[in-house]
Amino acid sequence: MTAHPDAAALFAVAAAELRETTFRADIVVREIPSPAGLAPFSLALAADVRPDDHGDSIYGTGRFVLLHDPDEPAAWGGAWRVIAFAQAPLEPEIGTDPLLADVAWSWLVDALDSRDAQYHSESGTSTKMLSKGFGGLAEEGDGAQIELRASWTPDAPLRPHVEAWAELVGMLAGLPPGSEDVAVFGARRDGRG
């Protein structure tokens, strides 16, 4: 690793920008410990959609990690990288939709584009999971879940990227834009995915 004396200051400015971001009232975002060893500098955030008094959400959750490596890893194509995760439970009928994974990925792209968040070198997976309870869990019935894992190299400014991620978390949980005080339908209440 090459010494970059201004890297810490540059990352501090970026981290402050993300920490000052305002999110919609029904998505609670907090800073969490960053994964170790991915980059010299990192910041991690967690989001929960309409969490209960214990901080748990039956609607959906997400993680956002901003990485900075002034040595610009070849796979990144730059000094910055975003790693994003979002998941939400679904009704089983929705989970069987053959286009669901494509739709989830398109929501991420749409959220980034709607904020003019410039990026490149994107990659990721969109996974739909179906489950069925047996034995002691048979009463819980069938379940479904959508999960999106993505990474991309962001161009400045960085705030639109975290805003797009928060929108994605809300959309997967069934929250249309501007619905802070509207009830969410279709979320599984038993918490299974």
C-alpha atoms as a PDB file:
ATOM      1  CA  MET A   1       0.000   0.000   0.000  1.00  0.00           C
ATOM      2  CA  THR A   2       1.308   3.419  -0.981  1.00  0.00           C
ATOM      3  CA  ALA A   3       1.274   6.250   1.553  1.00  0.00           C
ATOM      4  CA  HIS A   4      -1.343   8.902   0.738  1.00  0.00           C
ATOM      5  CA  PRO A   5      -1.168  11.640   3.395  1.00  0.00           C
ATOM      6  CA  ASP A   6      -4.413  13.313   2.317  1.00  0.00           C
ATOM      7  CA  ALA A   7      -6.453  10.079   2.138  1.00  0.00           C
ATOM      8  CA  ALA A   8      -7.594  10.216   5.768  1.00  0.00           C
ATOM      9  CA  ALA A   9      -8.775  13.817   5.408  1.00  0.00           C
ATOM     10  CA  LEU A  10     -10.542  13.030   2.132  1.00  0.00           C
ATOM     11  CA  PHE A  11     -12.319  10.069   3.701  1.00  0.00           C
ATOM     12  CA  ALA A  12     -13.292  12.125   6.771  1.00  0.00           C
ATOM     13  CA  VAL A  13     -15.056  14.642   4.521  1.00  0.00           C
ATOM     14  CA  ALA A  14     -16.897  11.847   2.686  1.00  0.00           C
ATOM     15  CA  ALA A  15     -17.897  10.139   5.936  1.00  0.00           C
ATOM     16  CA  ALA A  16     -19.214  13.422   7.350  1.00  0.00           C
ATOM     17  CA  GLU A  17     -21.287  13.917   4.184  1.00  0.00           C
ATOM     18  CA  LEU A  18     -22.913  10.502   4.636  1.00  0.00           C
ATOM     19  CA  ARG A  19     -23.441  10.959   8.394  1.00  0.00           C
ATOM     20  CA  GLU A  20     -25.259  14.256   7.748  1.00  0.00           C
ATOM     21  CA  THR A  21     -27.703  12.689   5.272  1.00  0.00           C
ATOM     22  CA  THR A  22     -31.349  12.957   6.272  1.00  0.00           C
ATOM     23  CA  PHE A  23     -33.484   9.868   5.618  1.00  0.00           C
ATOM     24  CA  ARG A  24     -37.234   9.457   5.518  1.00  0.00           C
ATOM     25  CA  ALA A  25     -38.762   9.097   8.983  1.00  0.00           C
ATOM     26  CA  ASP A  26     -39.828   5.455   8.624  1.00  0.00           C
ATOM     27  CA  ILE A  27     -36.340   4.192   7.763  1.00  0.00           C
ATOM     28  CA  VAL A  28     -34.024   4.277  10.758  1.00  0.00           C
ATOM     29  CA  VAL A  29     -30.353   4.488   9.743  1.00  0.00           C
ATOM     30  CA  ARG A  30     -27.477   4.084  12.166  1.00  0.00           C
ATOM     31  CA  GLU A  31     -23.729   3.670  11.908  1.00  0.00           C
ATOM     32  CA  ILE A  32     -22.401   0.167  12.596  1.00  0.00           C
ATOM     33  CA  PRO A  33     -18.893  -1.301  12.761  1.00  0.00           C
ATOM     34  CA  SER A  34     -17.317  -1.595   9.322  1.00  0.00           C
ATOM     35  CA  PRO A  35     -16.150  -4.944   8.002  1.00  0.00           C
ATOM     36  CA  ALA A  36     -12.423  -5.332   8.582  1.00  0.00           C
ATOM     37  CA  GLY A  37      -9.799  -5.757   5.913  1.00  0.00           C
ATOM     38  CA  LEU A  38     -11.734  -4.567   2.848  1.00  0.00           C
ATOM     39  CA  ALA A  39     -10.030  -1.179   2.492  1.00  0.00           C
ATOM     40  CA  PRO A  40      -7.846   1.211   4.489  1.00  0.00           C
ATOM     41  CA  PHE A  41     -10.893   3.413   5.153  1.00  0.00           C
ATOM     42  CA  SER A  42     -14.535   2.396   5.550  1.00  0.00           C
ATOM     43  CA  LEU A  43     -17.874   3.481   6.966  1.00  0.00           C
ATOM     44  CA  ALA A  44     -20.876   1.190   7.428  1.00  0.00           C
ATOM     45  CA  LEU A  45     -24.539   2.037   7.915  1.00  0.00           C
ATOM     46  CA  ALA A  46     -27.526  -0.157   8.724  1.00  0.00           C
ATOM     47  CA  ALA A  47     -31.156   0.616   7.905  1.00  0.00           C
ATOM     48  CA  ASP A  48     -34.338  -0.835   9.347  1.00  0.00           C
ATOM     49  CA  VAL A  49     -37.773  -0.075   7.933  1.00  0.00           C
ATOM     50  CA  ARG A  50     -40.255   0.938  10.616  1.00  0.00           C
ATOM     51  CA  PRO A  51     -38.453  -0.911  13.426  1.00  0.00           C
ATOM     52  CA  ASP A  52     -40.258  -1.959  16.590  1.00  0.00           C
ATOM     53  CA  ASP A  53     -39.270  -0.851  20.097  1.00  0.00           C
ATOM     54  CA  HIS A  54     -36.411  -3.368  20.095  1.00  0.00           C
ATOM     55  CA  GLY A  55     -35.013  -2.075  16.786  1.00  0.00           C
ATOM     56  CA  ASP A  56     -36.181  -5.102  14.779  1.00  0.00           C
ATOM     57  CA  SER A  57     -38.011  -4.723  11.482  1.00  0.00           C
ATOM     58  CA  ILE A  58     -40.494  -7.144   9.964  1.00  0.00           C
ATOM     59  CA  TYR A  59     -40.533  -5.049   6.793  1.00  0.00           C
ATOM     60  CA  GLY A  60     -36.929  -4.925   5.618  1.00  0.00           C
ATOM     61  CA  THR A  61     -33.324  -4.100   6.392  1.00  0.00           C
ATOM     62  CA  GLY A  62     -30.209  -2.985   4.602  1.00  0.00           C
ATOM     63  CA  ARG A  63     -26.496  -2.309   4.902  1.00  0.00           C
ATOM     64  CA  PHE A  64     -24.361   0.309   3.137  1.00  0.00           C
ATOM     65  CA  VAL A  65     -20.574   0.280   3.232  1.00  0.00           C
ATOM     66  CA  LEU A  66     -18.401   3.012   1.772  1.00  0.00           C
ATOM     67  CA  LEU A  67     -14.828   1.921   1.099  1.00  0.00           C
ATOM     68  CA  HIS A  68     -11.844   4.090   0.211  1.00  0.00           C
ATOM     69  CA  ASP A  69      -8.503   2.800  -1.004  1.00  0.00           C
ATOM     70  CA  PRO A  70      -6.251   5.491  -2.480  1.00  0.00           C
ATOM     71  CA  ASP A  71      -4.291   2.751  -4.290  1.00  0.00           C
ATOM     72  CA  GLU A  72      -7.359   2.261  -6.544  1.00  0.00           C
ATOM     73  CA  PRO A  73      -7.790  -1.521  -6.748  1.00  0.00           C
ATOM     74  CA  ALA A  74      -8.083  -2.627 -10.371  1.00  0.00           C
ATOM     75  CA  ALA A  75     -11.448  -4.345  -9.789  1.00  0.00           C
ATOM     76  CA  TRP A  76     -12.908  -1.083  -8.466  1.00  0.00           C
ATOM     77  CA  GLY A  77     -11.712   1.174 -11.268  1.00  0.00           C
ATOM     78  CA  GLY A  78     -11.240   3.985  -8.737  1.00  0.00           C
ATOM     79  CA  ALA A  79     -10.448   4.845  -5.134  1.00  0.00           C
ATOM     80  CA  TRP A  80     -14.025   4.481  -3.813  1.00  0.00           C
ATOM     81  CA  ARG A  81     -16.394   1.520  -3.659  1.00  0.00           C
ATOM     82  CA  VAL A  82     -19.920   1.101  -2.320  1.00  0.00           C
ATOM     83  CA  ILE A  83     -21.183  -2.250  -1.079  1.00  0.00           C
ATOM     84  CA  ALA A  84     -24.943  -2.350  -0.583  1.00  0.00           C
ATOM     85  CA  PHE A  85     -27.326  -4.950   0.770  1.00  0.00           C
ATOM     86  CA  ALA A  86     -31.109  -4.839   1.090  1.00  0.00           C
ATOM     87  CA  GLN A  87     -33.630  -7.541   1.972  1.00  0.00           C
ATOM     88  CA  ALA A  88     -37.323  -7.768   2.692  1.00  0.00           C
ATOM     89  CA  PRO A  89     -39.869 -10.515   3.342  1.00  0.00           C
ATOM     90  CA  LEU A  90     -42.566 -11.069   0.743  1.00  0.00           C
ATOM     91  CA  GLU A  91     -45.820 -12.872   0.359  1.00  0.00           C
ATOM     92  CA  PRO A  92     -45.103 -16.309  -1.176  1.00  0.00           C
ATOM     93  CA  GLU A  93     -47.125 -15.478  -4.301  1.00  0.00           C
ATOM     94  CA  ILE A  94     -44.866 -12.492  -5.006  1.00  0.00           C
ATOM     95  CA  GLY A  95     -41.751 -14.571  -4.337  1.00  0.00           C
ATOM     96  CA  THR A  96     -42.610 -16.913  -7.199  1.00  0.00           C
ATOM     97  CA  ASP A  97     -42.743 -14.122  -9.788  1.00  0.00           C
ATOM     98  CA  PRO A  98     -40.106 -15.031 -12.409  1.00  0.00           C
ATOM     99  CA  LEU A  99     -39.230 -11.348 -12.962  1.00  0.00           C
ATOM    100  CA  LEU A 100     -38.815 -10.443  -9.294  1.00  0.00           C
ATOM    101  CA  ALA A 101     -34.997 -10.583  -9.267  1.00  0.00           C
ATOM    102  CA  ASP A 102     -34.818  -8.420 -12.399  1.00  0.00           C
ATOM    103  CA  VAL A 103     -37.255  -5.912 -10.918  1.00  0.00           C
ATOM    104  CA  ALA A 104     -35.243  -5.627  -7.686  1.00  0.00           C
ATOM    105  CA  TRP A 105     -32.053  -4.871  -9.629  1.00  0.00           C
ATOM    106  CA  SER A 106     -33.890  -2.332 -11.800  1.00  0.00           C
ATOM    107  CA  TRP A 107     -35.104  -0.557  -8.654  1.00  0.00           C
ATOM    108  CA  LEU A 108     -31.498  -0.054  -7.572  1.00  0.00           C
ATOM    109  CA  VAL A 109     -30.539   1.327 -10.989  1.00  0.00           C
ATOM    110  CA  ASP A 110     -33.640   3.550 -11.034  1.00  0.00           C
ATOM    111  CA  ALA A 111     -32.894   4.863  -7.525  1.00  0.00           C
ATOM    112  CA  LEU A 112     -29.316   5.723  -8.508  1.00  0.00           C
ATOM    113  CA  ASP A 113     -30.420   7.313 -11.780  1.00  0.00           C
ATOM    114  CA  SER A 114     -33.217   9.346 -10.153  1.00  0.00           C
ATOM    115  CA  ARG A 115     -30.621  11.014  -7.924  1.00  0.00           C
ATOM    116  CA  ASP A 116     -28.101  11.460 -10.744  1.00  0.00           C
ATOM    117  CA  ALA A 117     -25.701   9.276  -8.750  1.00  0.00           C
ATOM    118  CA  GLN A 118     -22.885   8.620 -11.212  1.00  0.00           C
ATOM    119  CA  TYR A 119     -21.254   5.187 -10.996  1.00  0.00           C
ATOM    120  CA  HIS A 120     -19.456   2.472 -12.926  1.00  0.00           C
ATOM    121  CA  SER A 121     -18.060  -1.056 -12.442  1.00  0.00           C
ATOM    122  CA  GLU A 122     -21.342  -2.229 -10.913  1.00  0.00           C
ATOM    123  CA  SER A 123     -21.938  -5.845  -9.982  1.00  0.00           C
ATOM    124  CA  GLY A 124     -24.279  -7.795  -7.772  1.00  0.00           C
ATOM    125  CA  THR A 125     -26.897 -10.428  -7.249  1.00  0.00           C
ATOM    126  CA  SER A 126     -30.629 -10.360  -6.747  1.00  0.00           C
ATOM    127  CA  THR A 127     -31.886 -13.436  -4.948  1.00  0.00           C
ATOM    128  CA  LYS A 128     -35.401 -14.578  -4.213  1.00  0.00           C
ATOM    129  CA  MET A 129     -35.874 -17.266  -1.587  1.00  0.00           C
ATOM    130  CA  LEU A 130     -38.877 -19.437  -0.843  1.00  0.00           C
ATOM    131  CA  SER A 131     -39.232 -21.344   2.409  1.00  0.00           C
ATOM    132  CA  LYS A 132     -41.635 -23.840   3.947  1.00  0.00           C
ATOM    133  CA  GLY A 133     -41.856 -24.662   7.640  1.00  0.00           C
ATOM    134  CA  PHE A 134     -41.799 -28.252   8.947  1.00  0.00           C
ATOM    135  CA  GLY A 135     -42.139 -29.825  12.356  1.00  0.00           C
ATOM    136  CA  GLY A 136     -42.211 -27.130  15.020  1.00  0.00           C
ATOM    137  CA  LEU A 137     -42.136 -24.442  12.333  1.00  0.00           C
ATOM    138  CA  ALA A 138     -44.985 -25.885  10.232  1.00  0.00           C
ATOM    139  CA  GLU A 139     -47.444 -23.374  11.735  1.00  0.00           C
ATOM    140  CA  GLU A 140     -45.461 -20.522  10.195  1.00  0.00           C
ATOM    141  CA  GLY A 141     -46.366 -21.750   6.714  1.00  0.00           C
ATOM    142  CA  ASP A 142     -44.676 -20.675   3.524  1.00  0.00           C
ATOM    143  CA  GLY A 143     -42.429 -17.656   3.282  1.00  0.00           C
ATOM    144  CA  ALA A 144     -40.530 -15.673   0.689  1.00  0.00           C
ATOM    145  CA  GLN A 145     -37.787 -13.087   0.730  1.00  0.00           C
ATOM    146  CA  ILE A 146     -35.972 -10.859  -1.754  1.00  0.00           C
ATOM    147  CA  GLU A 147     -32.335  -9.961  -1.215  1.00  0.00           C
ATOM    148  CA  LEU A 148     -30.133  -7.658  -3.250  1.00  0.00           C
ATOM    149  CA  ARG A 149     -26.356  -7.489  -2.900  1.00  0.00           C
ATOM    150  CA  ALA A 150     -24.572  -4.937  -5.059  1.00  0.00           C
ATOM    151  CA  SER A 151     -21.379  -2.994  -5.349  1.00  0.00           C
ATOM    152  CA  TRP A 152     -20.329  -0.138  -7.574  1.00  0.00           C
ATOM    153  CA  THR A 153     -17.689   2.542  -7.903  1.00  0.00           C
ATOM    154  CA  PRO A 154     -19.304   5.901  -7.119  1.00  0.00           C
ATOM    155  CA  ASP A 155     -18.349   9.256  -8.547  1.00  0.00           C
ATOM    156  CA  ALA A 156     -18.699  12.329  -6.335  1.00  0.00           C
ATOM    157  CA  PRO A 157     -20.858  13.509  -4.713  1.00  0.00           C
ATOM    158  CA  LEU A 158     -21.456  10.501  -2.477  1.00  0.00           C
ATOM    159  CA  ARG A 159     -24.702  11.517  -0.760  1.00  0.00           C
ATOM    160  CA  PRO A 160     -26.905  10.544  -3.743  1.00  0.00           C
ATOM    161  CA  HIS A 161     -25.536   6.994  -3.478  1.00  0.00           C
ATOM    162  CA  VAL A 162     -26.592   6.523   0.145  1.00  0.00           C
ATOM    163  CA  GLU A 163     -29.951   8.162  -0.594  1.00  0.00           C
ATOM    164  CA  ALA A 164     -30.514   5.739  -3.479  1.00  0.00           C
ATOM    165  CA  TRP A 165     -29.656   2.793  -1.215  1.00  0.00           C
ATOM    166  CA  ALA A 166     -32.152   3.969   1.410  1.00  0.00           C
ATOM    167  CA  GLU A 167     -34.815   4.308  -1.292  1.00  0.00           C
ATOM    168  CA  LEU A 168     -34.082   0.754  -2.445  1.00  0.00           C
ATOM    169  CA  VAL A 169     -34.445  -0.588   1.105  1.00  0.00           C
ATOM    170  CA  GLY A 170     -37.815   1.135   1.368  1.00  0.00           C
ATOM    171  CA  MET A 171     -38.998  -0.030  -2.043  1.00  0.00           C
ATOM    172  CA  LEU A 172     -38.146  -3.671  -1.315  1.00  0.00           C
ATOM    173  CA  ALA A 173     -40.100  -3.324   1.928  1.00  0.00           C
ATOM    174  CA  GLY A 174     -43.110  -2.007   0.008  1.00  0.00           C
ATOM    175  CA  LEU A 175     -42.755   1.688   0.831  1.00  0.00           C
ATOM    176  CA  PRO A 176     -43.482   3.828  -2.200  1.00  0.00           C
ATOM    177  CA  PRO A 177     -41.852   7.291  -2.235  1.00  0.00           C
ATOM    178  CA  GLY A 178     -43.686   9.753   0.002  1.00  0.00           C
ATOM    179  CA  SER A 179     -45.477   7.074   2.056  1.00  0.00           C
ATOM    180  CA  GLU A 180     -44.048   7.769   5.509  1.00  0.00           C
ATOM    181  CA  ASP A 181     -47.445   7.704   7.209  1.00  0.00           C
ATOM    182  CA  VAL A 182     -49.077   5.026   5.057  1.00  0.00           C
ATOM    183  CA  ALA A 183     -49.614   1.447   6.244  1.00  0.00           C
ATOM    184  CA  VAL A 184     -47.490  -1.268   4.616  1.00  0.00           C
ATOM    185  CA  PHE A 185     -49.380  -4.242   3.196  1.00  0.00           C
ATOM    186  CA  GLY A 186     -47.938  -7.581   2.202  1.00  0.00           C
ATOM    187  CA  ALA A 187     -45.115  -7.841   4.755  1.00  0.00           C
ATOM    188  CA  ARG A 188     -44.957 -11.139   6.612  1.00  0.00           C
ATOM    189  CA  ARG A 189     -45.597 -10.510  10.278  1.00  0.00           C
ATOM    190  CA  ASP A 190     -43.918 -13.666  11.548  1.00  0.00           C
ATOM    191  CA  GLY A 191     -40.477 -12.342  10.570  1.00  0.00           C
ATOM    192  CA  ARG A 192     -39.557 -15.412   8.501  1.00  0.00           C
ATOM    193  CA  GLY A 193     -38.057 -14.981   5.092  1.00  0.00           C
END
